[in-house]
Each structure stands twice: as structure tokens, then as C-alpha cells.
Amino acid sequence: MSVGPIRRNLRDLTAWARETVIDGAPVIEKSWVRQNLARVYSKIQIVRLMNWKQAWAAQTGQPNPADASAMKVFGSELNMEAYRLMMEITNARSGLGADSPGAVLQGKIESAYRNGLILTFGGGTNEVQRDIIAMAGMGLPHYKSSS
């Protein structure tokens, strides 16, 4: 799960929040804004660690399907959560596309949020990934169809 785009957008949004003054104060001075930024940052770090662990497992010949599935589920759902939190910061302007006057960061946050949904089913739906986690990671029985 690549976190590069989220990291770049978080960096750009943080700069925007430092530079943008609303109601007489920079946006970043609001505690809930800092909290949203910190949540996104900390979860990005988790995904980076999970990526490194998967790379190490592949390098050492110890791949784990449950870990790979957990990585996919966590990363794709983080993508949606991260952009939702970032859109809260940009407030009413969060839904403006790149060509709209007043769009924040040329509409990148809004566009990434809309396009991020595909990650929850592209590469294997998260529901199927959860089945893999249950079977391969937890040893639970798999579903057998009656046909």
C-alpha cells in the first residue's frame, strides 16, 4: 500500500493550514485541526512500518498471506479516513474541484477522496481480504459452498 500520495497531500495541507488565516488566526492553531493532521500522520507511519515488514518477509522467503491482507485492508481504509479528515480541515471548500474558484490545493484532496474508494475493492475486496485474515492468520474454517 503506497502512502506517498497521502504523505504529499498531508504535507501540502499542513503548509496551507499554516498559511491560511480564518477568523483572525491560522487554521493550524485550532486544536482539532492539529489532531486531524496528527491522526493522519501517525497512521501513515503505521502503514510505512507494515510495508517494511512485508518487504522483509518477502526478502527472507517468509511471506504471510494474512499480514498481506491486513496491510491491504488497513491501507485502503486509511486512505478513505485520511482524506475525510483532511477534507474536514478544508471545510466547505473541500468539495470544490480543481477548476473551481477557491479550491484548496487545486482540488487534490477532494479528487483523492473520490478516487480512493477503488482501493477498498481493487486488488481484492476488503471483505475477501478479511476472510483470508480469518483463515490464514487466525486458523478459522473457510466457508464451503453447498454446490
N, C-alpha and C. Protein backbone atom coordinates (compact mmCIF):
# COMPACT_ATOMS: atom_id res chain seq x y z
N MET A 1 0.86 -1.18 0.00
CA MET A 1 0.00 0.00 0.00
C MET A 1 0.89 1.22 0.00
N SER A 2 0.83 1.98 -1.04
CA SER A 2 1.65 3.19 -1.15
C SER A 2 1.03 4.33 -0.34
N VAL A 3 1.86 4.98 0.45
CA VAL A 3 1.39 6.14 1.21
C VAL A 3 1.98 7.44 0.68
N GLY A 4 2.74 7.35 -0.41
CA GLY A 4 3.37 8.54 -0.97
C GLY A 4 2.38 9.67 -1.28
N PRO A 5 1.28 9.38 -2.00
CA PRO A 5 0.33 10.46 -2.30
C PRO A 5 -0.29 11.07 -1.04
N ILE A 6 -0.62 10.23 -0.07
CA ILE A 6 -1.21 10.77 1.17
C ILE A 6 -0.18 11.65 1.89
N ARG A 7 1.07 11.20 1.93
CA ARG A 7 2.13 11.97 2.58
C ARG A 7 2.30 13.33 1.91
N ARG A 8 2.33 13.36 0.59
CA ARG A 8 2.49 14.63 -0.13
C ARG A 8 1.30 15.55 0.13
N ASN A 9 0.09 15.00 0.07
CA ASN A 9 -1.09 15.83 0.31
C ASN A 9 -1.15 16.31 1.75
N LEU A 10 -0.73 15.48 2.69
CA LEU A 10 -0.69 15.90 4.09
C LEU A 10 0.31 17.04 4.27
N ARG A 11 1.48 16.90 3.66
CA ARG A 11 2.50 17.96 3.74
C ARG A 11 1.95 19.27 3.16
N ASP A 12 1.32 19.20 1.99
CA ASP A 12 0.78 20.40 1.35
C ASP A 12 -0.37 21.00 2.16
N LEU A 13 -1.22 20.15 2.72
CA LEU A 13 -2.33 20.65 3.52
C LEU A 13 -1.84 21.29 4.81
N THR A 14 -0.80 20.72 5.40
CA THR A 14 -0.21 21.31 6.61
C THR A 14 0.33 22.70 6.30
N ALA A 15 1.01 22.84 5.18
CA ALA A 15 1.52 24.16 4.77
C ALA A 15 0.35 25.12 4.54
N TRP A 16 -0.70 24.66 3.89
CA TRP A 16 -1.88 25.50 3.64
C TRP A 16 -2.48 25.95 4.98
N ALA A 17 -2.58 25.04 5.94
CA ALA A 17 -3.17 25.37 7.24
C ALA A 17 -2.31 26.37 8.01
N ARG A 18 -1.00 26.34 7.81
CA ARG A 18 -0.12 27.33 8.46
C ARG A 18 -0.29 28.71 7.83
N GLU A 19 -0.49 28.74 6.51
CA GLU A 19 -0.53 30.00 5.77
C GLU A 19 -1.91 30.63 5.71
N THR A 20 -2.95 29.85 5.89
CA THR A 20 -4.32 30.34 5.71
C THR A 20 -4.89 30.84 7.03
N VAL A 21 -5.34 32.08 7.01
CA VAL A 21 -5.92 32.69 8.21
C VAL A 21 -7.43 32.75 8.04
N ILE A 22 -8.14 32.19 9.01
CA ILE A 22 -9.60 32.23 9.04
C ILE A 22 -10.01 32.69 10.43
N ASP A 23 -10.92 33.62 10.50
CA ASP A 23 -11.37 34.19 11.78
C ASP A 23 -10.21 34.74 12.59
N GLY A 24 -9.25 35.36 11.91
CA GLY A 24 -8.16 36.05 12.59
C GLY A 24 -7.00 35.19 13.06
N ALA A 25 -7.01 33.90 12.76
CA ALA A 25 -5.93 33.03 13.22
C ALA A 25 -5.62 31.98 12.15
N PRO A 26 -4.37 31.55 12.07
CA PRO A 26 -4.05 30.48 11.12
C PRO A 26 -4.87 29.23 11.44
N VAL A 27 -5.29 28.55 10.40
CA VAL A 27 -6.12 27.35 10.55
C VAL A 27 -5.43 26.33 11.47
N ILE A 28 -4.11 26.22 11.36
CA ILE A 28 -3.39 25.20 12.12
C ILE A 28 -3.42 25.45 13.63
N GLU A 29 -3.80 26.62 14.07
CA GLU A 29 -3.86 26.91 15.51
C GLU A 29 -5.08 26.28 16.19
N LYS A 30 -6.00 25.78 15.42
CA LYS A 30 -7.16 25.11 16.01
C LYS A 30 -6.75 23.70 16.44
N SER A 31 -7.09 23.33 17.66
CA SER A 31 -6.63 22.04 18.20
C SER A 31 -7.18 20.87 17.40
N TRP A 32 -8.42 20.94 16.94
CA TRP A 32 -8.99 19.83 16.20
C TRP A 32 -8.29 19.65 14.85
N VAL A 33 -7.79 20.75 14.27
CA VAL A 33 -7.05 20.66 13.01
C VAL A 33 -5.74 19.92 13.25
N ARG A 34 -5.02 20.31 14.30
CA ARG A 34 -3.76 19.63 14.63
C ARG A 34 -4.01 18.15 14.93
N GLN A 35 -5.13 17.87 15.61
CA GLN A 35 -5.46 16.48 15.93
C GLN A 35 -5.71 15.68 14.65
N ASN A 36 -6.45 16.24 13.70
CA ASN A 36 -6.69 15.55 12.43
C ASN A 36 -5.38 15.29 11.69
N LEU A 37 -4.53 16.30 11.64
CA LEU A 37 -3.24 16.15 10.97
C LEU A 37 -2.39 15.08 11.65
N ALA A 38 -2.39 15.07 12.98
CA ALA A 38 -1.61 14.09 13.73
C ALA A 38 -2.14 12.67 13.52
N ARG A 39 -3.45 12.52 13.45
CA ARG A 39 -4.03 11.19 13.20
C ARG A 39 -3.58 10.64 11.85
N VAL A 40 -3.66 11.49 10.86
CA VAL A 40 -3.25 11.05 9.52
C VAL A 40 -1.76 10.71 9.52
N TYR A 41 -0.95 11.57 10.09
CA TYR A 41 0.50 11.35 10.12
C TYR A 41 0.85 10.03 10.82
N SER A 42 0.25 9.81 11.99
CA SER A 42 0.60 8.61 12.76
C SER A 42 0.18 7.35 12.04
N LYS A 43 -0.96 7.36 11.38
CA LYS A 43 -1.41 6.16 10.67
C LYS A 43 -0.58 5.92 9.41
N ILE A 44 -0.11 6.99 8.80
CA ILE A 44 0.82 6.84 7.67
C ILE A 44 2.07 6.11 8.13
N GLN A 45 2.56 6.45 9.30
CA GLN A 45 3.75 5.80 9.83
C GLN A 45 3.51 4.30 10.08
N ILE A 46 2.31 3.97 10.53
CA ILE A 46 1.95 2.56 10.73
C ILE A 46 2.01 1.82 9.40
N VAL A 47 1.45 2.40 8.36
CA VAL A 47 1.46 1.75 7.05
C VAL A 47 2.89 1.61 6.53
N ARG A 48 3.71 2.62 6.75
CA ARG A 48 5.11 2.52 6.32
C ARG A 48 5.80 1.34 7.01
N LEU A 49 5.57 1.17 8.31
CA LEU A 49 6.16 0.04 9.04
C LEU A 49 5.63 -1.29 8.52
N MET A 50 4.32 -1.33 8.26
CA MET A 50 3.73 -2.56 7.72
C MET A 50 4.34 -2.89 6.36
N ASN A 51 4.57 -1.86 5.54
CA ASN A 51 5.21 -2.08 4.23
C ASN A 51 6.61 -2.67 4.40
N TRP A 52 7.37 -2.10 5.31
CA TRP A 52 8.73 -2.60 5.54
C TRP A 52 8.71 -4.04 6.03
N LYS A 53 7.76 -4.35 6.90
CA LYS A 53 7.65 -5.72 7.41
C LYS A 53 7.34 -6.68 6.27
N GLN A 54 6.43 -6.30 5.38
CA GLN A 54 6.09 -7.16 4.24
C GLN A 54 7.28 -7.32 3.30
N ALA A 55 8.02 -6.24 3.09
CA ALA A 55 9.20 -6.32 2.22
C ALA A 55 10.24 -7.27 2.84
N TRP A 56 10.44 -7.17 4.14
CA TRP A 56 11.38 -8.06 4.82
C TRP A 56 10.91 -9.50 4.71
N ALA A 57 9.63 -9.75 4.92
CA ALA A 57 9.09 -11.11 4.85
C ALA A 57 9.30 -11.69 3.45
N ALA A 58 9.07 -10.90 2.43
CA ALA A 58 9.27 -11.37 1.06
C ALA A 58 10.75 -11.63 0.80
N GLN A 59 11.61 -10.75 1.28
CA GLN A 59 13.06 -10.89 1.08
C GLN A 59 13.61 -12.15 1.74
N THR A 60 13.06 -12.49 2.90
CA THR A 60 13.57 -13.64 3.65
C THR A 60 12.81 -14.93 3.34
N GLY A 61 11.89 -14.87 2.37
CA GLY A 61 11.15 -16.06 1.99
C GLY A 61 10.11 -16.49 3.01
N GLN A 62 9.59 -15.54 3.76
CA GLN A 62 8.59 -15.84 4.78
C GLN A 62 7.30 -15.05 4.56
N PRO A 63 6.75 -15.10 3.36
CA PRO A 63 5.52 -14.32 3.13
C PRO A 63 4.38 -14.83 3.99
N ASN A 64 3.52 -13.93 4.39
CA ASN A 64 2.39 -14.29 5.24
C ASN A 64 1.12 -13.70 4.60
N PRO A 65 0.25 -14.54 4.05
CA PRO A 65 -0.94 -14.04 3.38
C PRO A 65 -1.83 -13.21 4.31
N ALA A 66 -1.92 -13.58 5.56
CA ALA A 66 -2.77 -12.83 6.49
C ALA A 66 -2.23 -11.43 6.71
N ASP A 67 -0.91 -11.31 6.85
CA ASP A 67 -0.30 -9.99 7.02
C ASP A 67 -0.49 -9.13 5.78
N ALA A 68 -0.33 -9.75 4.61
CA ALA A 68 -0.51 -9.00 3.36
C ALA A 68 -1.96 -8.51 3.24
N SER A 69 -2.90 -9.36 3.61
CA SER A 69 -4.31 -8.97 3.55
C SER A 69 -4.62 -7.87 4.57
N ALA A 70 -4.05 -8.00 5.76
CA ALA A 70 -4.26 -6.96 6.78
C ALA A 70 -3.70 -5.63 6.31
N MET A 71 -2.57 -5.69 5.66
CA MET A 71 -1.94 -4.48 5.10
C MET A 71 -2.86 -3.82 4.08
N LYS A 72 -3.45 -4.63 3.21
CA LYS A 72 -4.32 -4.10 2.17
C LYS A 72 -5.57 -3.47 2.78
N VAL A 73 -6.18 -4.14 3.74
CA VAL A 73 -7.40 -3.62 4.37
C VAL A 73 -7.09 -2.33 5.14
N PHE A 74 -6.08 -2.37 5.98
CA PHE A 74 -5.74 -1.19 6.78
C PHE A 74 -5.37 -0.02 5.88
N GLY A 75 -4.54 -0.27 4.88
CA GLY A 75 -4.09 0.81 3.99
C GLY A 75 -5.20 1.43 3.17
N SER A 76 -6.08 0.60 2.62
CA SER A 76 -7.15 1.14 1.79
C SER A 76 -8.17 1.91 2.64
N GLU A 77 -8.45 1.41 3.84
CA GLU A 77 -9.38 2.12 4.70
C GLU A 77 -8.75 3.38 5.29
N LEU A 78 -7.43 3.36 5.50
CA LEU A 78 -6.74 4.57 5.93
C LEU A 78 -6.86 5.64 4.86
N ASN A 79 -6.74 5.24 3.61
CA ASN A 79 -6.84 6.21 2.52
C ASN A 79 -8.15 6.99 2.62
N MET A 80 -9.24 6.29 2.82
CA MET A 80 -10.54 6.97 2.93
C MET A 80 -10.59 7.84 4.19
N GLU A 81 -10.15 7.31 5.32
CA GLU A 81 -10.17 8.06 6.58
C GLU A 81 -9.28 9.30 6.50
N ALA A 82 -8.09 9.15 5.94
CA ALA A 82 -7.15 10.26 5.87
C ALA A 82 -7.73 11.42 5.07
N TYR A 83 -8.28 11.12 3.92
CA TYR A 83 -8.83 12.20 3.10
C TYR A 83 -10.10 12.78 3.70
N ARG A 84 -10.86 11.98 4.41
CA ARG A 84 -12.03 12.51 5.11
C ARG A 84 -11.58 13.51 6.19
N LEU A 85 -10.55 13.16 6.94
CA LEU A 85 -10.03 14.07 7.97
C LEU A 85 -9.44 15.33 7.35
N MET A 86 -8.77 15.18 6.23
CA MET A 86 -8.21 16.36 5.56
C MET A 86 -9.31 17.25 4.99
N MET A 87 -10.38 16.63 4.50
CA MET A 87 -11.48 17.42 3.97
C MET A 87 -12.19 18.19 5.08
N GLU A 88 -12.22 17.65 6.29
CA GLU A 88 -12.78 18.40 7.42
C GLU A 88 -12.01 19.69 7.63
N ILE A 89 -10.71 19.65 7.45
CA ILE A 89 -9.87 20.83 7.67
C ILE A 89 -10.16 21.90 6.63
N THR A 90 -10.36 21.49 5.39
CA THR A 90 -10.62 22.48 4.34
C THR A 90 -12.07 22.94 4.33
N ASN A 91 -12.89 22.31 5.14
CA ASN A 91 -14.26 22.72 5.40
C ASN A 91 -15.09 22.77 4.12
N ALA A 92 -15.85 23.82 3.94
CA ALA A 92 -16.79 23.91 2.82
C ALA A 92 -16.09 23.85 1.47
N ARG A 93 -14.84 24.23 1.44
CA ARG A 93 -14.10 24.21 0.18
C ARG A 93 -13.61 22.82 -0.20
N SER A 94 -13.84 21.84 0.67
CA SER A 94 -13.31 20.50 0.43
C SER A 94 -13.93 19.83 -0.78
N GLY A 95 -15.13 20.19 -1.13
CA GLY A 95 -15.80 19.56 -2.27
C GLY A 95 -15.56 20.24 -3.59
N LEU A 96 -14.76 21.29 -3.59
CA LEU A 96 -14.51 22.01 -4.83
C LEU A 96 -13.46 21.31 -5.66
N GLY A 97 -13.77 21.13 -6.93
CA GLY A 97 -12.83 20.51 -7.85
C GLY A 97 -11.74 21.46 -8.26
N ALA A 98 -10.78 20.95 -8.98
CA ALA A 98 -9.59 21.72 -9.35
C ALA A 98 -9.91 23.00 -10.12
N ASP A 99 -10.95 22.99 -10.94
CA ASP A 99 -11.26 24.15 -11.77
C ASP A 99 -12.14 25.18 -11.08
N SER A 100 -12.54 24.90 -9.84
CA SER A 100 -13.45 25.81 -9.13
C SER A 100 -12.69 26.91 -8.41
N PRO A 101 -13.21 28.14 -8.44
CA PRO A 101 -12.58 29.20 -7.66
C PRO A 101 -12.63 28.86 -6.17
N GLY A 102 -11.54 29.09 -5.47
CA GLY A 102 -11.48 28.80 -4.05
C GLY A 102 -11.10 27.39 -3.69
N ALA A 103 -10.81 26.57 -4.70
CA ALA A 103 -10.41 25.17 -4.43
C ALA A 103 -9.10 25.16 -3.66
N VAL A 104 -9.03 24.33 -2.65
CA VAL A 104 -7.82 24.19 -1.84
C VAL A 104 -6.91 23.16 -2.49
N LEU A 105 -5.63 23.52 -2.65
CA LEU A 105 -4.62 22.63 -3.23
C LEU A 105 -5.06 22.07 -4.59
N GLN A 106 -5.63 22.94 -5.41
CA GLN A 106 -6.09 22.58 -6.75
C GLN A 106 -7.03 21.38 -6.75
N GLY A 107 -7.79 21.20 -5.67
CA GLY A 107 -8.77 20.13 -5.58
C GLY A 107 -8.17 18.74 -5.37
N LYS A 108 -6.89 18.66 -5.00
CA LYS A 108 -6.23 17.35 -4.86
C LYS A 108 -6.84 16.50 -3.75
N ILE A 109 -7.24 17.13 -2.65
CA ILE A 109 -7.80 16.38 -1.53
C ILE A 109 -9.14 15.78 -1.94
N GLU A 110 -9.97 16.60 -2.54
CA GLU A 110 -11.29 16.16 -3.00
C GLU A 110 -11.17 15.05 -4.02
N SER A 111 -10.27 15.20 -4.97
CA SER A 111 -10.07 14.20 -6.01
C SER A 111 -9.56 12.88 -5.43
N ALA A 112 -8.61 12.97 -4.52
CA ALA A 112 -8.06 11.75 -3.91
C ALA A 112 -9.12 11.02 -3.09
N TYR A 113 -9.99 11.76 -2.44
CA TYR A 113 -11.06 11.14 -1.67
C TYR A 113 -12.00 10.38 -2.60
N ARG A 114 -12.41 11.03 -3.68
CA ARG A 114 -13.33 10.38 -4.62
C ARG A 114 -12.70 9.14 -5.27
N ASN A 115 -11.42 9.25 -5.62
CA ASN A 115 -10.74 8.15 -6.30
C ASN A 115 -10.30 7.04 -5.35
N GLY A 116 -10.25 7.32 -4.06
CA GLY A 116 -9.75 6.35 -3.09
C GLY A 116 -10.66 5.17 -2.84
N LEU A 117 -11.91 5.30 -3.14
CA LEU A 117 -12.85 4.21 -2.90
C LEU A 117 -12.46 2.94 -3.64
N ILE A 118 -11.85 3.10 -4.80
CA ILE A 118 -11.48 1.91 -5.59
C ILE A 118 -10.50 1.02 -4.83
N LEU A 119 -9.71 1.61 -3.93
CA LEU A 119 -8.74 0.81 -3.19
C LEU A 119 -9.40 -0.20 -2.26
N THR A 120 -10.65 0.03 -1.89
CA THR A 120 -11.31 -0.92 -0.99
C THR A 120 -11.80 -2.17 -1.71
N PHE A 121 -11.83 -2.15 -3.04
CA PHE A 121 -12.19 -3.37 -3.77
C PHE A 121 -11.20 -3.74 -4.85
N GLY A 122 -10.41 -2.80 -5.34
CA GLY A 122 -9.37 -3.12 -6.31
C GLY A 122 -8.29 -3.96 -5.64
N GLY A 123 -7.83 -5.00 -6.29
CA GLY A 123 -6.82 -5.88 -5.72
C GLY A 123 -7.40 -6.90 -4.76
N GLY A 124 -8.70 -7.04 -4.75
CA GLY A 124 -9.37 -7.97 -3.84
C GLY A 124 -10.18 -7.20 -2.83
N THR A 125 -11.47 -7.42 -2.81
CA THR A 125 -12.32 -6.65 -1.90
C THR A 125 -11.87 -6.84 -0.46
N ASN A 126 -12.10 -5.82 0.34
CA ASN A 126 -11.72 -5.91 1.75
C ASN A 126 -12.44 -7.04 2.47
N GLU A 127 -13.66 -7.38 2.02
CA GLU A 127 -14.38 -8.49 2.64
C GLU A 127 -13.65 -9.81 2.39
N VAL A 128 -13.16 -10.00 1.16
CA VAL A 128 -12.39 -11.21 0.84
C VAL A 128 -11.08 -11.20 1.62
N GLN A 129 -10.45 -10.05 1.71
CA GLN A 129 -9.19 -9.95 2.47
C GLN A 129 -9.41 -10.32 3.94
N ARG A 130 -10.55 -9.92 4.49
CA ARG A 130 -10.86 -10.28 5.87
C ARG A 130 -11.05 -11.79 6.02
N ASP A 131 -11.61 -12.44 5.01
CA ASP A 131 -11.72 -13.90 5.03
C ASP A 131 -10.34 -14.55 5.04
N ILE A 132 -9.43 -14.01 4.25
CA ILE A 132 -8.06 -14.53 4.21
C ILE A 132 -7.40 -14.36 5.59
N ILE A 133 -7.61 -13.21 6.20
CA ILE A 133 -7.05 -12.96 7.54
C ILE A 133 -7.60 -13.99 8.53
N ALA A 134 -8.90 -14.23 8.46
CA ALA A 134 -9.53 -15.19 9.38
C ALA A 134 -8.99 -16.59 9.17
N MET A 135 -8.85 -17.01 7.92
CA MET A 135 -8.39 -18.38 7.64
C MET A 135 -6.88 -18.53 7.84
N ALA A 136 -6.09 -17.68 7.18
CA ALA A 136 -4.64 -17.85 7.19
C ALA A 136 -4.01 -17.32 8.48
N GLY A 137 -4.60 -16.30 9.05
CA GLY A 137 -3.99 -15.69 10.22
C GLY A 137 -4.52 -16.20 11.54
N MET A 138 -5.80 -16.56 11.55
CA MET A 138 -6.44 -16.96 12.81
C MET A 138 -6.82 -18.43 12.84
N GLY A 139 -6.64 -19.12 11.71
CA GLY A 139 -6.94 -20.54 11.67
C GLY A 139 -8.42 -20.85 11.70
N LEU A 140 -9.26 -19.90 11.36
CA LEU A 140 -10.70 -20.16 11.36
C LEU A 140 -11.07 -20.94 10.10
N PRO A 141 -12.15 -21.71 10.17
CA PRO A 141 -12.53 -22.51 8.99
C PRO A 141 -13.00 -21.62 7.85
N HIS A 142 -12.79 -22.10 6.64
CA HIS A 142 -13.27 -21.33 5.49
C HIS A 142 -14.68 -21.76 5.13
N TYR A 143 -15.34 -20.89 4.42
CA TYR A 143 -16.72 -21.13 4.00
C TYR A 143 -16.72 -22.13 2.86
N LYS A 144 -17.56 -23.13 2.95
CA LYS A 144 -17.71 -24.10 1.87
C LYS A 144 -19.11 -23.95 1.30
N SER A 145 -19.16 -23.76 0.01
CA SER A 145 -20.48 -23.63 -0.62
C SER A 145 -21.14 -24.99 -0.72
N SER A 146 -22.44 -25.00 -0.83
CA SER A 146 -23.20 -26.25 -0.89
C SER A 146 -23.26 -26.82 -2.30
N SER A 147 -22.69 -26.11 -3.28
CA SER A 147 -22.75 -26.61 -4.65
C SER A 147 -21.64 -27.55 -4.99
